[in-house]
C-alpha cells in the first residue's frame, strides 16, 4: 500500500500541510489580524489572495485540523474561523520566520513591527500570546493581565502613524 505522504520526515510532513504560498498567510491573518470571517480574510489581506485560493486553503486548513469553522453566533449567515491548538502552537515558528525575514529581506516598517515585538519579547511573550489565542479561539479561561494582541496592534498603529508622518 502506497503512503499518501512523500516520507515520514517531520519537516516534509509539516511542509505538506503548510508549505504552499498561502496557508501560513491565512493563519497569520487569523492569528495577528483577528480576521475570523471569510470576507475579512479575502478583503483585508495585504497580499490580495484570490477567492478560489482562499476557499481552497480554508478547506485544507480545516481538513488538517489547523482551523475550525462554525456558524457565527452574532450573524448566522457567516462562518467564524478559529485557530486550533495545532495552529496556536505555530506561534514560535511564525515568530522565528518573522525574525528571519526582518534580518534578511526588504521588509516594510509597518508590516514588520509585529515581528519585531515578537522577536524582542521572546519565548515568554510567545507563550503569553498562545495563552491569549486560546482564550480568543478555544474559549479557555482568561489568565493574562496585559493583552499581547493589543500590544502588537498598538505597535502596528504607532508604526503606521509614523510612516504617515514621515
Protein backbone atom coordinates (compact mmCIF):
# COMPACT_ATOMS: atom_id res chain seq x y z
CA UNK A 1 0.00 0.00 0.00
CA UNK A 2 1.40 3.37 -1.04
CA UNK A 3 1.65 6.13 1.58
CA UNK A 4 -0.18 9.39 0.97
CA UNK A 5 2.92 11.29 2.16
CA UNK A 6 6.31 11.52 0.44
CA UNK A 7 8.09 10.46 3.62
CA UNK A 8 7.75 10.33 7.38
CA UNK A 9 10.24 13.18 7.87
CA UNK A 10 8.67 15.77 10.21
CA UNK A 11 9.92 18.67 8.08
CA UNK A 12 8.47 17.14 4.93
CA UNK A 13 5.16 16.39 6.63
CA UNK A 14 4.96 19.93 8.02
CA UNK A 15 5.66 21.38 4.58
CA UNK A 16 2.98 19.16 3.04
CA UNK A 17 0.48 20.92 5.34
CA UNK A 18 1.96 24.44 5.50
CA UNK A 19 4.40 24.74 2.62
CA UNK A 20 2.19 26.28 -0.05
CA UNK A 21 2.17 30.01 -0.76
CA UNK A 22 -0.94 30.85 1.25
CA UNK A 23 -1.57 28.58 4.26
CA UNK A 24 0.69 30.43 6.69
CA UNK A 25 -0.62 33.77 5.39
CA UNK A 26 -4.20 32.72 6.20
CA UNK A 27 -3.10 31.53 9.67
CA UNK A 28 -1.16 34.79 10.13
CA UNK A 29 -4.23 36.86 9.25
CA UNK A 30 -6.41 34.96 11.71
CA UNK A 31 -3.69 35.00 14.38
CA UNK A 32 -2.37 38.56 14.18
CA UNK A 33 -5.19 40.35 12.38
CA UNK A 34 -8.06 38.60 14.20
CA UNK A 35 -9.68 38.16 10.79
CA UNK A 36 -12.24 35.50 11.60
CA UNK A 37 -14.67 35.76 8.65
CA UNK A 38 -14.18 34.83 5.00
CA UNK A 39 -14.77 38.41 3.73
CA UNK A 40 -12.19 39.80 6.17
CA UNK A 41 -9.63 37.24 5.07
CA UNK A 42 -10.39 37.96 1.43
CA UNK A 43 -10.53 41.75 1.52
CA UNK A 44 -8.10 42.73 4.29
CA UNK A 45 -5.04 40.64 3.45
CA UNK A 46 -2.13 42.79 2.30
CA UNK A 47 -1.19 40.17 -0.29
CA UNK A 48 -4.54 40.13 -2.09
CA UNK A 49 -5.46 36.45 -2.01
CA UNK A 50 -7.87 35.30 -4.74
CA UNK A 51 -11.23 33.94 -3.57
CA UNK A 52 -10.70 30.47 -5.08
CA UNK A 53 -7.28 30.19 -3.38
CA UNK A 54 -8.68 31.37 -0.03
CA UNK A 55 -11.54 28.89 -0.32
CA UNK A 56 -9.10 26.07 -1.04
CA UNK A 57 -6.72 27.00 1.81
CA UNK A 58 -9.52 27.30 4.36
CA UNK A 59 -10.78 23.84 3.34
CA UNK A 60 -7.26 22.40 3.57
CA UNK A 61 -6.50 24.05 6.90
CA UNK A 62 -9.82 22.82 8.28
CA UNK A 63 -9.26 19.29 6.95
CA UNK A 64 -5.77 19.25 8.50
CA UNK A 65 -7.06 20.42 11.89
CA UNK A 66 -5.38 23.83 11.91
CA UNK A 67 -8.56 25.89 11.62
CA UNK A 68 -12.10 25.18 12.76
CA UNK A 69 -15.26 26.63 11.27
CA UNK A 70 -18.63 27.17 12.87
CA UNK A 71 -21.63 29.43 12.37
CA UNK A 72 -21.03 32.88 13.83
CA UNK A 73 -23.37 33.29 16.81
CA UNK A 74 -23.60 37.02 16.05
CA UNK A 75 -24.58 36.51 12.40
CA UNK A 76 -25.98 33.12 11.42
CA UNK A 77 -25.25 33.54 7.70
CA UNK A 78 -21.50 33.94 8.33
CA UNK A 79 -18.93 31.36 9.35
CA UNK A 80 -16.47 32.05 12.15
CA UNK A 81 -12.97 30.65 11.62
CA UNK A 82 -10.90 29.86 14.68
CA UNK A 83 -7.38 28.66 15.27
CA UNK A 84 -7.00 25.21 16.78
CA UNK A 85 -4.36 24.21 19.31
CA UNK A 86 -2.25 22.92 16.40
CA UNK A 87 -2.11 26.33 14.74
CA UNK A 88 -1.66 28.16 18.06
CA UNK A 89 1.45 26.03 18.58
CA UNK A 90 2.86 27.64 15.41
CA UNK A 91 3.41 30.98 17.21
CA UNK A 92 7.13 30.30 17.90
CA UNK A 93 7.63 29.14 14.29
CA UNK A 94 5.90 32.23 12.89
CA UNK A 95 7.85 34.46 15.30
CA UNK A 96 11.11 32.93 14.06
CA UNK A 97 10.04 33.30 10.40
CA UNK A 98 9.29 36.97 11.07
CA UNK A 99 12.69 37.47 12.77
CA UNK A 100 14.46 35.80 9.85
CA UNK A 101 12.53 37.91 7.34
CA UNK A 102 13.36 41.11 9.23
CA UNK A 103 17.05 40.20 9.20
CA UNK A 104 17.43 39.15 5.58
CA UNK A 105 14.60 40.59 3.48
CA UNK A 106 13.45 44.10 2.45
CA UNK A 107 10.53 44.38 4.89
CA UNK A 108 8.38 47.46 5.42
CA UNK A 109 8.44 49.07 8.87
CA UNK A 110 4.68 48.87 9.45
CA UNK A 111 4.35 45.25 8.33
CA UNK A 112 7.41 44.09 10.26
CA UNK A 113 6.70 45.78 13.59
CA UNK A 114 4.73 42.83 14.97
CA UNK A 115 7.63 40.54 14.07
CA UNK A 116 9.99 42.91 15.88
CA UNK A 117 7.80 42.95 19.00
CA UNK A 118 7.53 39.15 18.91
CA UNK A 119 11.30 38.76 18.44
CA UNK A 120 12.13 41.18 21.25
CA UNK A 121 9.54 39.61 23.56
CA UNK A 122 10.97 36.16 23.01
CA UNK A 123 9.60 32.86 24.31
CA UNK A 124 7.74 34.39 27.26
CA UNK A 125 5.78 36.75 25.01
CA UNK A 126 5.10 33.86 22.62
CA UNK A 127 3.73 31.75 25.48
CA UNK A 128 1.56 34.65 26.67
CA UNK A 129 0.29 35.20 23.12
CA UNK A 130 -0.52 31.50 22.75
CA UNK A 131 -2.46 31.65 26.03
CA UNK A 132 -4.36 34.68 24.75
CA UNK A 133 -5.12 32.96 21.45
CA UNK A 134 -6.50 30.01 23.43
CA UNK A 135 -8.88 32.43 25.15
CA UNK A 136 -9.90 34.07 21.86
CA UNK A 137 -10.22 30.92 19.74
CA UNK A 138 -10.71 27.98 22.08
CA UNK A 139 -12.70 29.59 24.89
CA UNK A 140 -10.00 28.96 27.50
CA UNK A 141 -10.30 30.94 30.74
CA UNK A 142 -8.54 34.30 30.70
CA UNK A 143 -5.32 34.32 32.70
CA UNK A 144 -3.32 37.09 31.04
CA UNK A 145 -3.03 40.52 32.59
CA UNK A 146 -1.81 42.53 29.58
CA UNK A 147 -3.05 41.58 26.14
CA UNK A 148 -0.27 40.62 23.73
CA UNK A 149 -2.68 41.05 20.84
CA UNK A 150 -3.28 44.66 21.98
CA UNK A 151 0.48 45.26 22.36
CA UNK A 152 1.06 44.04 18.80
CA UNK A 153 -1.82 46.12 17.44
CA UNK A 154 -0.63 49.25 19.30
CA UNK A 155 2.90 48.81 17.91
CA UNK A 156 1.48 48.41 14.40
CA UNK A 157 -0.72 51.51 14.72
CA UNK A 158 2.22 53.57 16.03
CA UNK A 159 4.36 52.44 13.10
CA UNK A 160 1.60 53.24 10.56
CA UNK A 161 1.20 56.70 12.11
CA UNK A 162 4.98 57.23 11.98
CA UNK A 163 5.04 56.22 8.31
CA UNK A 164 2.17 58.61 7.56
CA UNK A 165 4.07 61.46 9.27
CA UNK A 166 7.37 60.57 7.60
